[in-house]
Every structure is written in structure tokens, then in C-alpha cells.
Amino acid sequence: MNQVLLIDDDAELVGMFSEYMEQEGFRVSCAHDGETGAREALSGQYAIAVLDVMMPRMNGIETLRRIRAASRMPILMLTGRGDDADRILGLELGADDYVTKPCTPRELTARVRAILRRTQGSGNDGPGITLTVGKLTMLPEQRRATWDGQALELTSTEFNLLEVLARNAGRPVSKNDLSEQGLGRPLARFDRNIDVHLSSLRHKLGTLSDGRSCLQTVYRLGYQLIRE
């Protein structure tokens, strides 16, 4: 599934992105305001939505909120340079990643491809592979995870990061490794993306028998999923 939805009111920019992405093998549809974009995103036709923060009628943050209320589809945010508050809020609301404008069509396409590659899986593990760490169970090929038998509602990036931690359970994983393996890109300077996603994961995962979070920060080393 390679259908991409671009939600941005800049028709010229959207046209440039669309032309490049279609040359790269994607099928692209466009929406130029938040209400239309949210409605299209929830139609079930798209593998990913690229969503601009600044739009008329309904801004990108509200559009993201509406989509996330009903769908876990991957969402890549387009943010202005220096819009740190919007960027962090978008991640907290469930955006998978962000690209800072201005950006090139090549950069945007590479980021979309990285997210989809991790969302759709590589097919290398086979359908029977299960990751189990304490009460956590993950089925990577099916993109499903449970805690103590209860389904976890994770965004695609949260799933990717949790899978990396589960495969390295009991060992700290650096933020740069998490970024490269979970997001498909090196960690940028002052990038809080990983921290925000893992904060969200802490709230969604259960606790250990002693009440601690199973997801721990290891000073100067990164994050660790604790075995119990």
C-alpha cells in the first residue's frame, strides 16, 4: 500500500511534492484544508498522511487530534523552523515524526519511505515470530502488541521503538540507535522526538511488580526495557 495523502494549503508546494513522489512510485492525493484532510485520512484508503501544521479552517494540530481519535495510521508532520512547541505537541498527540520546512521533495519522500518500511514490516521474521518480555508480547509481522493480554494502542513509531527495546531487553539502547532503527534517521542535535515518544510509551505500558515503569532511562546510555 503506497497511497500517500498530502494535507497542506500551499498548492504550489503540494504540487511539487506530489510530482516527485509519483516519480518515486507513490500514489498521491491532496487536501488543502484540515477538515477535508481529516475526512480523507479516515477513509481508510491511505498508508500515510503528511500533515502541515499551519492551515486554514482547521489547523494541523486539530486535524491530527481528529485523525488520532479514530485511526492509528502513520502521520508525518510538516512544521516551520523554530516551531518547537507545535512539534512537541504534535508528537505528544501521536504524530510519528516531523520534517521541518523548507524541505526538499527528496527529503520528504525519504522520510515517508522510512516510516512505511517500518510500519509495513520487512517480512524477514515470518508470521510465527513473537517477542515476549515479561507481560509484554509483540507480534512484529502483525504489528500488534499486548500487555498482560490487553491490546496496546500504539502509533507506528511507538511500535517501532518498543520493538527495538524489546529485541534488546535488559540492555540500554542509545537515543541515536533508537532514532536510526525506529525512525530511520540519525538523531539530530536537540531532537526531543525520542524522549516524547518514550514518555508516551511509559503511560501506555504497565508497571513491574514493584510499581516501577518497565521502561527506564539509563543515565548517559539511553533507554532500557527491563526484564522481569
Protein backbone atom coordinates (compact mmCIF):
# COMPACT_ATOMS: atom_id res chain seq x y z
CA MET A 1 0.00 0.00 0.00
CA ASN A 2 1.73 3.17 -1.20
CA GLN A 3 -1.10 5.71 -1.25
CA VAL A 4 0.01 9.00 0.35
CA LEU A 5 -2.27 11.83 1.48
CA LEU A 6 -0.71 15.32 1.48
CA ILE A 7 -2.63 17.82 3.65
CA ASP A 8 -1.30 21.33 3.05
CA ASP A 9 -2.87 24.59 1.87
CA ASP A 10 0.21 25.54 -0.20
CA ALA A 11 -0.92 24.31 -3.62
CA GLU A 12 2.42 25.00 -5.31
CA LEU A 13 4.38 23.11 -2.66
CA VAL A 14 1.93 20.20 -2.70
CA GLY A 15 2.19 20.03 -6.48
CA MET A 16 5.98 19.86 -6.31
CA PHE A 17 5.90 17.15 -3.62
CA SER A 18 3.25 15.17 -5.49
CA GLU A 19 5.15 15.18 -8.77
CA TYR A 20 8.35 13.97 -7.15
CA MET A 21 6.68 11.28 -5.04
CA GLU A 22 4.75 9.92 -8.01
CA GLN A 23 8.03 9.62 -9.92
CA GLU A 24 9.27 7.58 -6.97
CA GLY A 25 6.38 5.13 -7.26
CA PHE A 26 3.86 6.55 -4.77
CA ARG A 27 0.24 7.36 -5.49
CA VAL A 28 -0.57 10.77 -4.07
CA SER A 29 -3.82 12.53 -3.19
CA CYS A 30 -4.08 16.06 -1.80
CA ALA A 31 -6.28 18.02 0.59
CA HIS A 32 -5.87 21.76 1.13
CA ASP A 33 -7.55 22.26 4.50
CA GLY A 34 -7.74 20.39 7.78
CA GLU A 35 -11.39 19.34 7.67
CA THR A 36 -11.10 17.80 4.22
CA GLY A 37 -7.77 16.25 5.17
CA ALA A 38 -9.15 14.59 8.30
CA ARG A 39 -12.12 13.22 6.40
CA GLU A 40 -9.89 11.80 3.67
CA ALA A 41 -7.40 10.36 6.17
CA LEU A 42 -10.19 8.47 7.92
CA SER A 43 -11.46 6.93 4.66
CA GLY A 44 -9.04 4.03 5.04
CA GLN A 45 -7.52 4.49 1.59
CA TYR A 46 -4.11 5.79 2.64
CA ALA A 47 -0.91 4.26 4.00
CA ILE A 48 0.30 7.56 5.47
CA ALA A 49 -0.70 11.22 5.81
CA VAL A 50 1.71 14.16 5.53
CA LEU A 51 0.18 16.99 7.53
CA ASP A 52 1.14 20.69 7.62
CA VAL A 53 0.71 22.47 10.96
CA MET A 54 -0.40 25.86 9.57
CA MET A 55 -3.65 25.58 7.59
CA PRO A 56 -7.00 27.40 7.29
CA ARG A 57 -10.35 26.23 8.71
CA MET A 58 -8.72 23.66 10.99
CA ASN A 59 -5.00 23.75 11.76
CA GLY A 60 -2.70 20.76 11.65
CA ILE A 61 -2.75 20.13 15.38
CA GLU A 62 -6.55 19.91 15.47
CA THR A 63 -6.53 17.82 12.32
CA LEU A 64 -4.06 15.43 13.93
CA ARG A 65 -6.21 15.27 17.05
CA ARG A 66 -9.27 14.35 14.97
CA ILE A 67 -7.43 11.68 12.99
CA ARG A 68 -5.85 10.14 16.10
CA ALA A 69 -9.24 9.89 17.80
CA ALA A 70 -10.21 7.24 15.26
CA SER A 71 -7.07 5.97 13.49
CA ARG A 72 -3.50 4.84 14.16
CA MET A 73 -2.36 5.49 10.58
CA PRO A 74 1.19 6.89 10.30
CA ILE A 75 1.30 10.70 10.26
CA LEU A 76 4.30 12.83 9.30
CA MET A 77 4.06 16.46 10.37
CA LEU A 78 5.38 19.44 8.39
CA THR A 79 6.46 22.16 10.81
CA GLY A 80 8.05 25.59 10.43
CA ARG A 81 11.62 26.12 11.53
CA GLY A 82 11.61 27.04 15.22
CA ASP A 83 8.06 25.78 15.89
CA ASP A 84 9.25 23.67 18.82
CA ALA A 85 6.01 23.93 20.80
CA ASP A 86 3.87 22.72 17.87
CA ARG A 87 6.39 19.99 17.10
CA ILE A 88 6.37 18.59 20.63
CA LEU A 89 2.59 18.88 20.92
CA GLY A 90 2.20 17.04 17.62
CA LEU A 91 4.40 14.20 18.84
CA GLU A 92 2.50 14.04 22.14
CA LEU A 93 -0.77 13.78 20.21
CA GLY A 94 0.55 10.84 18.22
CA ALA A 95 2.44 12.13 15.17
CA ASP A 96 5.07 9.62 14.10
CA ASP A 97 7.73 12.09 13.04
CA TYR A 98 8.17 15.58 11.63
CA VAL A 99 10.01 17.33 8.81
CA THR A 100 11.00 20.98 9.15
CA LYS A 101 10.03 23.31 6.31
CA PRO A 102 11.51 24.30 3.98
CA CYS A 103 12.43 20.78 2.93
CA THR A 104 13.18 19.15 -0.40
CA PRO A 105 10.86 16.64 -2.07
CA ARG A 106 13.69 14.12 -1.81
CA GLU A 107 13.95 14.55 1.98
CA LEU A 108 10.19 14.29 2.44
CA THR A 109 9.96 11.19 0.26
CA ALA A 110 12.84 9.52 2.10
CA ARG A 111 11.15 10.17 5.45
CA VAL A 112 7.81 8.79 4.17
CA ARG A 113 9.54 5.70 2.80
CA ALA A 114 11.37 5.10 6.10
CA ILE A 115 8.13 5.29 8.10
CA LEU A 116 6.28 2.97 5.72
CA ARG A 117 9.13 0.48 5.63
CA ARG A 118 8.95 0.13 9.38
CA THR A 119 5.16 0.24 9.51
CA GLN A 120 4.62 -2.43 6.89
CA GLY A 121 7.49 -4.64 8.03
CA SER A 122 10.23 -6.26 6.02
CA GLY A 123 8.77 -9.75 6.04
CA ASN A 124 12.03 -11.25 7.29
CA ASP A 125 10.75 -12.69 10.54
CA GLY A 126 7.94 -14.84 9.25
CA PRO A 127 4.44 -14.89 10.74
CA GLY A 128 5.29 -17.03 13.77
CA ILE A 129 7.88 -14.78 15.44
CA THR A 130 6.79 -13.45 18.84
CA LEU A 131 8.73 -11.15 21.17
CA THR A 132 7.96 -11.62 24.86
CA VAL A 133 9.42 -9.54 27.69
CA GLY A 134 7.63 -10.06 30.98
CA LYS A 135 3.98 -9.12 30.43
CA LEU A 136 4.75 -7.53 27.06
CA THR A 137 4.08 -9.56 23.92
CA MET A 138 4.80 -8.24 20.41
CA LEU A 139 3.93 -9.74 17.03
CA PRO A 140 6.11 -7.71 14.64
CA GLU A 141 4.67 -9.08 11.40
CA GLN A 142 1.12 -8.34 12.54
CA ARG A 143 2.09 -5.02 14.12
CA ARG A 144 0.27 -6.00 17.33
CA ALA A 145 1.34 -5.71 20.95
CA THR A 146 -0.28 -6.62 24.26
CA TRP A 147 0.47 -6.03 27.93
CA ASP A 148 -0.77 -8.76 30.25
CA GLY A 149 -3.13 -9.88 27.49
CA GLN A 150 -4.62 -6.44 26.87
CA ALA A 151 -4.08 -4.81 23.46
CA LEU A 152 -1.80 -1.77 23.36
CA GLU A 153 -2.91 1.12 21.13
CA LEU A 154 0.40 2.28 19.69
CA THR A 155 1.31 4.61 16.87
CA SER A 156 3.57 3.12 14.21
CA THR A 157 6.62 4.89 15.62
CA GLU A 158 5.82 3.84 19.19
CA PHE A 159 5.57 0.24 17.95
CA ASN A 160 8.91 0.54 16.15
CA LEU A 161 10.69 1.96 19.19
CA LEU A 162 9.16 -0.60 21.53
CA GLU A 163 10.20 -3.39 19.19
CA VAL A 164 13.81 -2.16 19.21
CA LEU A 165 13.76 -2.05 23.03
CA ALA A 166 12.13 -5.48 23.26
CA ARG A 167 14.78 -7.01 21.00
CA ASN A 168 17.40 -5.54 23.33
CA ALA A 169 15.55 -6.15 26.60
CA GLY A 170 17.80 -5.91 29.64
CA ARG A 171 20.33 -3.73 27.80
CA PRO A 172 20.30 0.06 27.36
CA VAL A 173 19.76 1.34 23.82
CA SER A 174 21.12 4.76 22.91
CA LYS A 175 18.83 7.50 21.63
CA ASN A 176 20.77 7.57 18.38
CA ASP A 177 20.27 3.83 17.86
CA LEU A 178 16.59 4.20 18.68
CA SER A 179 16.28 7.01 16.15
CA GLU A 180 18.11 5.13 13.40
CA GLN A 181 16.32 1.82 13.95
CA GLY A 182 12.91 3.14 14.96
CA LEU A 183 12.60 6.29 12.84
CA GLY A 184 15.01 5.51 10.04
CA ARG A 185 17.19 8.58 10.52
CA PRO A 186 20.11 9.72 12.68
CA LEU A 187 19.28 11.67 15.80
CA ALA A 188 19.50 15.42 15.16
CA ARG A 189 21.01 17.80 17.69
CA PHE A 190 18.45 18.99 20.27
CA ASP A 191 15.91 16.50 18.84
CA ARG A 192 13.37 15.58 21.55
CA ASN A 193 11.43 13.20 19.32
CA ILE A 194 12.60 10.01 21.02
CA ASP A 195 12.00 11.43 24.52
CA VAL A 196 8.42 12.41 23.68
CA HIS A 197 7.59 9.04 22.12
CA LEU A 198 9.06 7.11 25.05
CA SER A 199 7.20 9.30 27.54
CA SER A 200 4.00 8.30 25.75
CA LEU A 201 5.04 4.64 25.83
CA ARG A 202 5.60 4.82 29.60
CA HIS A 203 1.99 5.87 30.06
CA LYS A 204 0.71 3.07 27.84
CA LEU A 205 2.79 0.22 29.26
CA GLY A 206 2.05 -1.41 32.56
CA THR A 207 4.32 -1.44 35.61
CA LEU A 208 6.54 -4.07 37.15
CA SER A 209 5.51 -5.93 40.30
CA ASP A 210 7.30 -3.34 42.44
CA GLY A 211 5.41 -0.47 40.80
CA ARG A 212 8.28 0.82 38.66
CA SER A 213 7.90 1.55 34.98
CA CYS A 214 9.28 -1.24 32.82
CA LEU A 215 10.83 1.43 30.61
CA GLN A 216 13.78 3.04 32.35
CA THR A 217 16.17 5.87 31.49
CA VAL A 218 19.81 4.83 31.89
CA TYR A 219 21.95 7.89 32.57
CA ARG A 220 24.14 8.77 29.57
CA LEU A 221 23.39 5.44 27.90
CA GLY A 222 19.80 5.70 26.68
CA TYR A 223 16.67 3.70 27.47
CA GLN A 224 16.16 0.15 28.65
CA LEU A 225 13.20 -2.22 28.72
CA ILE A 226 13.52 -4.16 31.98
CA ARG A 227 13.08 -7.92 32.05
CA GLU A 228 11.13 -9.33 34.94
